[in-house]
Amino acid sequence: MDITFVFAVALAATMIVVVLALIAIIIYQRWRIGEQNVFIERFIRQNEEMRQKMRKAGIV
């Protein structure tokens, strides 16, 4: 086999692996951010509920 062909195939395989790894990292990070947003949303909702209870009780 020609050495340039082997080198080209190895380089292409490496690039494919790197691109797939980057895609996996992007998907993982989006999943983590989405998971964190759920907790932030719950925290904000609980704060709003507490604020409304305080207004009804005349504290604020």
PDB file of N, CA and C in Angstrom:
ATOM      1  N   MET A   1       0.836  -1.190   0.000  1.00  0.00           N
ATOM      2  CA  MET A   1       0.000   0.000   0.000  1.00  0.00           C
ATOM      3  C   MET A   1       0.877   1.249   0.000  1.00  0.00           C
ATOM      4  N   ASP A   2       0.331   2.262  -0.541  1.00  0.00           N
ATOM      5  CA  ASP A   2       1.035   3.537  -0.595  1.00  0.00           C
ATOM      6  C   ASP A   2       0.952   4.208   0.776  1.00  0.00           C
ATOM      7  N   ILE A   3       2.056   4.761   1.250  1.00  0.00           N
ATOM      8  CA  ILE A   3       2.111   5.375   2.584  1.00  0.00           C
ATOM      9  C   ILE A   3       1.203   6.595   2.679  1.00  0.00           C
ATOM     10  N   THR A   4       1.032   7.346   1.594  1.00  0.00           N
ATOM     11  CA  THR A   4       0.164   8.519   1.640  1.00  0.00           C
ATOM     12  C   THR A   4      -1.298   8.114   1.814  1.00  0.00           C
ATOM     13  N   PHE A   5      -1.672   6.976   1.226  1.00  0.00           N
ATOM     14  CA  PHE A   5      -3.044   6.485   1.388  1.00  0.00           C
ATOM     15  C   PHE A   5      -3.304   6.101   2.842  1.00  0.00           C
ATOM     16  N   VAL A   6      -2.360   5.398   3.440  1.00  0.00           N
ATOM     17  CA  VAL A   6      -2.492   4.991   4.847  1.00  0.00           C
ATOM     18  C   VAL A   6      -2.558   6.236   5.735  1.00  0.00           C
ATOM     19  N   PHE A   7      -1.693   7.199   5.464  1.00  0.00           N
ATOM     20  CA  PHE A   7      -1.685   8.442   6.239  1.00  0.00           C
ATOM     21  C   PHE A   7      -3.004   9.193   6.078  1.00  0.00           C
ATOM     22  N   ALA A   8      -3.542   9.247   4.882  1.00  0.00           N
ATOM     23  CA  ALA A   8      -4.799   9.952   4.628  1.00  0.00           C
ATOM     24  C   ALA A   8      -5.961   9.267   5.354  1.00  0.00           C
ATOM     25  N   VAL A   9      -5.985   7.942   5.327  1.00  0.00           N
ATOM     26  CA  VAL A   9      -7.052   7.210   6.016  1.00  0.00           C
ATOM     27  C   VAL A   9      -6.944   7.409   7.524  1.00  0.00           C
ATOM     28  N   ALA A  10      -5.735   7.366   8.066  1.00  0.00           N
ATOM     29  CA  ALA A  10      -5.538   7.575   9.497  1.00  0.00           C
ATOM     30  C   ALA A  10      -5.943   8.988   9.904  1.00  0.00           C
ATOM     31  N   LEU A  11      -5.592   9.955   9.092  1.00  0.00           N
ATOM     32  CA  LEU A  11      -5.954  11.347   9.378  1.00  0.00           C
ATOM     33  C   LEU A  11      -7.474  11.532   9.323  1.00  0.00           C
ATOM     34  N   ALA A  12      -8.110  10.936   8.336  1.00  0.00           N
ATOM     35  CA  ALA A  12      -9.570  11.037   8.228  1.00  0.00           C
ATOM     36  C   ALA A  12     -10.251  10.379   9.424  1.00  0.00           C
ATOM     37  N   ALA A  13      -9.757   9.231   9.837  1.00  0.00           N
ATOM     38  CA  ALA A  13     -10.335   8.543  10.995  1.00  0.00           C
ATOM     39  C   ALA A  13     -10.160   9.379  12.255  1.00  0.00           C
ATOM     40  N   THR A  14      -9.012   9.985  12.405  1.00  0.00           N
ATOM     41  CA  THR A  14      -8.763  10.844  13.567  1.00  0.00           C
ATOM     42  C   THR A  14      -9.708  12.037  13.571  1.00  0.00           C
ATOM     43  N   MET A  15      -9.890  12.645  12.427  1.00  0.00           N
ATOM     44  CA  MET A  15     -10.788  13.799  12.353  1.00  0.00           C
ATOM     45  C   MET A  15     -12.223  13.400  12.664  1.00  0.00           C
ATOM     46  N   ILE A  16     -12.649  12.247  12.186  1.00  0.00           N
ATOM     47  CA  ILE A  16     -14.006  11.778  12.477  1.00  0.00           C
ATOM     48  C   ILE A  16     -14.187  11.554  13.969  1.00  0.00           C
ATOM     49  N   VAL A  17     -13.194  10.951  14.615  1.00  0.00           N
ATOM     50  CA  VAL A  17     -13.274  10.713  16.058  1.00  0.00           C
ATOM     51  C   VAL A  17     -13.317  12.042  16.814  1.00  0.00           C
ATOM     52  N   VAL A  18     -12.521  13.005  16.406  1.00  0.00           N
ATOM     53  CA  VAL A  18     -12.513  14.315  17.079  1.00  0.00           C
ATOM     54  C   VAL A  18     -13.864  15.008  16.911  1.00  0.00           C
ATOM     55  N   VAL A  19     -14.426  14.979  15.722  1.00  0.00           N
ATOM     56  CA  VAL A  19     -15.728  15.618  15.480  1.00  0.00           C
ATOM     57  C   VAL A  19     -16.822  14.938  16.303  1.00  0.00           C
ATOM     58  N   LEU A  20     -16.797  13.608  16.360  1.00  0.00           N
ATOM     59  CA  LEU A  20     -17.797  12.895  17.170  1.00  0.00           C
ATOM     60  C   LEU A  20     -17.632  13.204  18.650  1.00  0.00           C
ATOM     61  N   ALA A  21     -16.392  13.328  19.113  1.00  0.00           N
ATOM     62  CA  ALA A  21     -16.152  13.683  20.509  1.00  0.00           C
ATOM     63  C   ALA A  21     -16.689  15.086  20.810  1.00  0.00           C
ATOM     64  N   LEU A  22     -16.470  16.024  19.902  1.00  0.00           N
ATOM     65  CA  LEU A  22     -16.978  17.381  20.103  1.00  0.00           C
ATOM     66  C   LEU A  22     -18.503  17.404  20.117  1.00  0.00           C
ATOM     67  N   ILE A  23     -19.123  16.636  19.250  1.00  0.00           N
ATOM     68  CA  ILE A  23     -20.586  16.561  19.236  1.00  0.00           C
ATOM     69  C   ILE A  23     -21.095  15.977  20.545  1.00  0.00           C
ATOM     70  N   ALA A  24     -20.419  14.935  21.043  1.00  0.00           N
ATOM     71  CA  ALA A  24     -20.817  14.331  22.317  1.00  0.00           C
ATOM     72  C   ALA A  24     -20.676  15.331  23.462  1.00  0.00           C
ATOM     73  N   ILE A  25     -19.612  16.120  23.450  1.00  0.00           N
ATOM     74  CA  ILE A  25     -19.412  17.126  24.501  1.00  0.00           C
ATOM     75  C   ILE A  25     -20.507  18.184  24.431  1.00  0.00           C
ATOM     76  N   ILE A  26     -20.858  18.633  23.250  1.00  0.00           N
ATOM     77  CA  ILE A  26     -21.907  19.644  23.092  1.00  0.00           C
ATOM     78  C   ILE A  26     -23.244  19.106  23.596  1.00  0.00           C
ATOM     79  N   ILE A  27     -23.571  17.875  23.233  1.00  0.00           N
ATOM     80  CA  ILE A  27     -24.840  17.281  23.689  1.00  0.00           C
ATOM     81  C   ILE A  27     -24.852  17.161  25.203  1.00  0.00           C
ATOM     82  N   TYR A  28     -23.741  16.722  25.796  1.00  0.00           N
ATOM     83  CA  TYR A  28     -23.654  16.577  27.252  1.00  0.00           C
ATOM     84  C   TYR A  28     -23.817  17.929  27.945  1.00  0.00           C
ATOM     85  N   GLN A  29     -23.147  18.952  27.439  1.00  0.00           N
ATOM     86  CA  GLN A  29     -23.245  20.272  28.059  1.00  0.00           C
ATOM     87  C   GLN A  29     -24.651  20.841  27.952  1.00  0.00           C
ATOM     88  N   ARG A  30     -25.321  20.645  26.827  1.00  0.00           N
ATOM     89  CA  ARG A  30     -26.711  21.115  26.686  1.00  0.00           C
ATOM     90  C   ARG A  30     -27.615  20.404  27.684  1.00  0.00           C
ATOM     91  N   TRP A  31     -27.382  19.109  27.884  1.00  0.00           N
ATOM     92  CA  TRP A  31     -28.168  18.341  28.849  1.00  0.00           C
ATOM     93  C   TRP A  31     -27.946  18.872  30.263  1.00  0.00           C
ATOM     94  N   ARG A  32     -26.684  19.166  30.608  1.00  0.00           N
ATOM     95  CA  ARG A  32     -26.377  19.683  31.946  1.00  0.00           C
ATOM     96  C   ARG A  32     -27.012  21.057  32.163  1.00  0.00           C
ATOM     97  N   ILE A  33     -26.921  21.924  31.169  1.00  0.00           N
ATOM     98  CA  ILE A  33     -27.501  23.261  31.289  1.00  0.00           C
ATOM     99  C   ILE A  33     -29.018  23.162  31.443  1.00  0.00           C
ATOM    100  N   GLY A  34     -29.637  22.291  30.663  1.00  0.00           N
ATOM    101  CA  GLY A  34     -31.080  22.093  30.777  1.00  0.00           C
ATOM    102  C   GLY A  34     -31.474  21.588  32.151  1.00  0.00           C
ATOM    103  N   GLU A  35     -30.673  20.700  32.714  1.00  0.00           N
ATOM    104  CA  GLU A  35     -30.942  20.169  34.041  1.00  0.00           C
ATOM    105  C   GLU A  35     -30.814  21.269  35.096  1.00  0.00           C
ATOM    106  N   GLN A  36     -29.820  22.120  34.961  1.00  0.00           N
ATOM    107  CA  GLN A  36     -29.634  23.217  35.901  1.00  0.00           C
ATOM    108  C   GLN A  36     -30.770  24.231  35.792  1.00  0.00           C
ATOM    109  N   ASN A  37     -31.270  24.451  34.577  1.00  0.00           N
ATOM    110  CA  ASN A  37     -32.369  25.395  34.392  1.00  0.00           C
ATOM    111  C   ASN A  37     -33.621  24.938  35.115  1.00  0.00           C
ATOM    112  N   VAL A  38     -33.834  23.632  35.215  1.00  0.00           N
ATOM    113  CA  VAL A  38     -34.992  23.109  35.930  1.00  0.00           C
ATOM    114  C   VAL A  38     -34.909  23.505  37.400  1.00  0.00           C
ATOM    115  N   PHE A  39     -33.724  23.376  37.998  1.00  0.00           N
ATOM    116  CA  PHE A  39     -33.560  23.728  39.403  1.00  0.00           C
ATOM    117  C   PHE A  39     -33.714  25.234  39.617  1.00  0.00           C
ATOM    118  N   ILE A  40     -33.179  26.027  38.700  1.00  0.00           N
ATOM    119  CA  ILE A  40     -33.309  27.483  38.817  1.00  0.00           C
ATOM    120  C   ILE A  40     -34.768  27.884  38.681  1.00  0.00           C
ATOM    121  N   GLU A  41     -35.480  27.270  37.743  1.00  0.00           N
ATOM    122  CA  GLU A  41     -36.895  27.576  37.552  1.00  0.00           C
ATOM    123  C   GLU A  41     -37.700  27.233  38.807  1.00  0.00           C
ATOM    124  N   ARG A  42     -37.407  26.084  39.409  1.00  0.00           N
ATOM    125  CA  ARG A  42     -38.109  25.687  40.635  1.00  0.00           C
ATOM    126  C   ARG A  42     -37.809  26.676  41.772  1.00  0.00           C
ATOM    127  N   PHE A  43     -36.554  27.096  41.891  1.00  0.00           N
ATOM    128  CA  PHE A  43     -36.163  28.051  42.913  1.00  0.00           C
ATOM    129  C   PHE A  43     -36.906  29.374  42.740  1.00  0.00           C
ATOM    130  N   ILE A  44     -36.979  29.872  41.514  1.00  0.00           N
ATOM    131  CA  ILE A  44     -37.669  31.138  41.246  1.00  0.00           C
ATOM    132  C   ILE A  44     -39.155  31.009  41.559  1.00  0.00           C
ATOM    133  N   ARG A  45     -39.754  29.893  41.173  1.00  0.00           N
ATOM    134  CA  ARG A  45     -41.177  29.676  41.433  1.00  0.00           C
ATOM    135  C   ARG A  45     -41.461  29.631  42.942  1.00  0.00           C
ATOM    136  N   GLN A  46     -40.609  28.951  43.700  1.00  0.00           N
ATOM    137  CA  GLN A  46     -40.801  28.889  45.147  1.00  0.00           C
ATOM    138  C   GLN A  46     -40.648  30.266  45.783  1.00  0.00           C
ATOM    139  N   ASN A  47     -39.697  31.050  45.294  1.00  0.00           N
ATOM    140  CA  ASN A  47     -39.530  32.406  45.825  1.00  0.00           C
ATOM    141  C   ASN A  47     -40.766  33.260  45.554  1.00  0.00           C
ATOM    142  N   GLU A  48     -41.310  33.140  44.364  1.00  0.00           N
ATOM    143  CA  GLU A  48     -42.507  33.913  44.025  1.00  0.00           C
ATOM    144  C   GLU A  48     -43.684  33.490  44.896  1.00  0.00           C
ATOM    145  N   GLU A  49     -43.816  32.186  45.133  1.00  0.00           N
ATOM    146  CA  GLU A  49     -44.898  31.711  45.996  1.00  0.00           C
ATOM    147  C   GLU A  49     -44.733  32.242  47.415  1.00  0.00           C
ATOM    148  N   MET A  50     -43.512  32.233  47.918  1.00  0.00           N
ATOM    149  CA  MET A  50     -43.258  32.758  49.273  1.00  0.00           C
ATOM    150  C   MET A  50     -43.551  34.257  49.339  1.00  0.00           C
ATOM    151  N   ARG A  51     -43.173  34.982  48.291  1.00  0.00           N
ATOM    152  CA  ARG A  51     -43.426  36.419  48.257  1.00  0.00           C
ATOM    153  C   ARG A  51     -44.930  36.700  48.279  1.00  0.00           C
ATOM    154  N   GLN A  52     -45.700  35.912  47.542  1.00  0.00           N
ATOM    155  CA  GLN A  52     -47.157  36.092  47.532  1.00  0.00           C
ATOM    156  C   GLN A  52     -47.758  35.767  48.904  1.00  0.00           C
ATOM    157  N   LYS A  53     -47.253  34.724  49.554  1.00  0.00           N
ATOM    158  CA  LYS A  53     -47.735  34.384  50.898  1.00  0.00           C
ATOM    159  C   LYS A  53     -47.420  35.503  51.879  1.00  0.00           C
ATOM    160  N   MET A  54     -46.237  36.105  51.744  1.00  0.00           N
ATOM    161  CA  MET A  54     -45.843  37.199  52.629  1.00  0.00           C
ATOM    162  C   MET A  54     -46.728  38.421  52.390  1.00  0.00           C
ATOM    163  N   ARG A  55     -47.071  38.686  51.133  1.00  0.00           N
ATOM    164  CA  ARG A  55     -47.959  39.821  50.842  1.00  0.00           C
ATOM    165  C   ARG A  55     -49.324  39.589  51.439  1.00  0.00           C
ATOM    166  N   LYS A  56     -49.834  38.354  51.321  1.00  0.00           N
ATOM    167  CA  LYS A  56     -51.156  38.047  51.886  1.00  0.00           C
ATOM    168  C   LYS A  56     -51.142  38.182  53.407  1.00  0.00           C
ATOM    169  N   ALA A  57     -49.999  37.824  54.012  1.00  0.00           N
ATOM    170  CA  ALA A  57     -49.904  37.907  55.473  1.00  0.00           C
ATOM    171  C   ALA A  57     -49.604  39.336  55.932  1.00  0.00           C
ATOM    172  N   GLY A  58     -49.313  40.224  55.012  1.00  0.00           N
ATOM    173  CA  GLY A  58     -49.044  41.625  55.352  1.00  0.00           C
ATOM    174  C   GLY A  58     -47.626  41.870  55.823  1.00  0.00           C
ATOM    175  N   ILE A  59     -46.736  40.965  55.566  1.00  0.00           N
ATOM    176  CA  ILE A  59     -45.341  41.134  55.992  1.00  0.00           C
ATOM    177  C   ILE A  59     -44.599  42.081  55.063  1.00  0.00           C
ATOM    178  N   VAL A  60     -44.894  42.004  53.777  1.00  0.00           N
ATOM    179  CA  VAL A  60     -44.181  42.858  52.812  1.00  0.00           C
ATOM    180  C   VAL A  60     -45.124  43.916  52.300  1.00  0.00           C
TER     181      VAL A  60
END
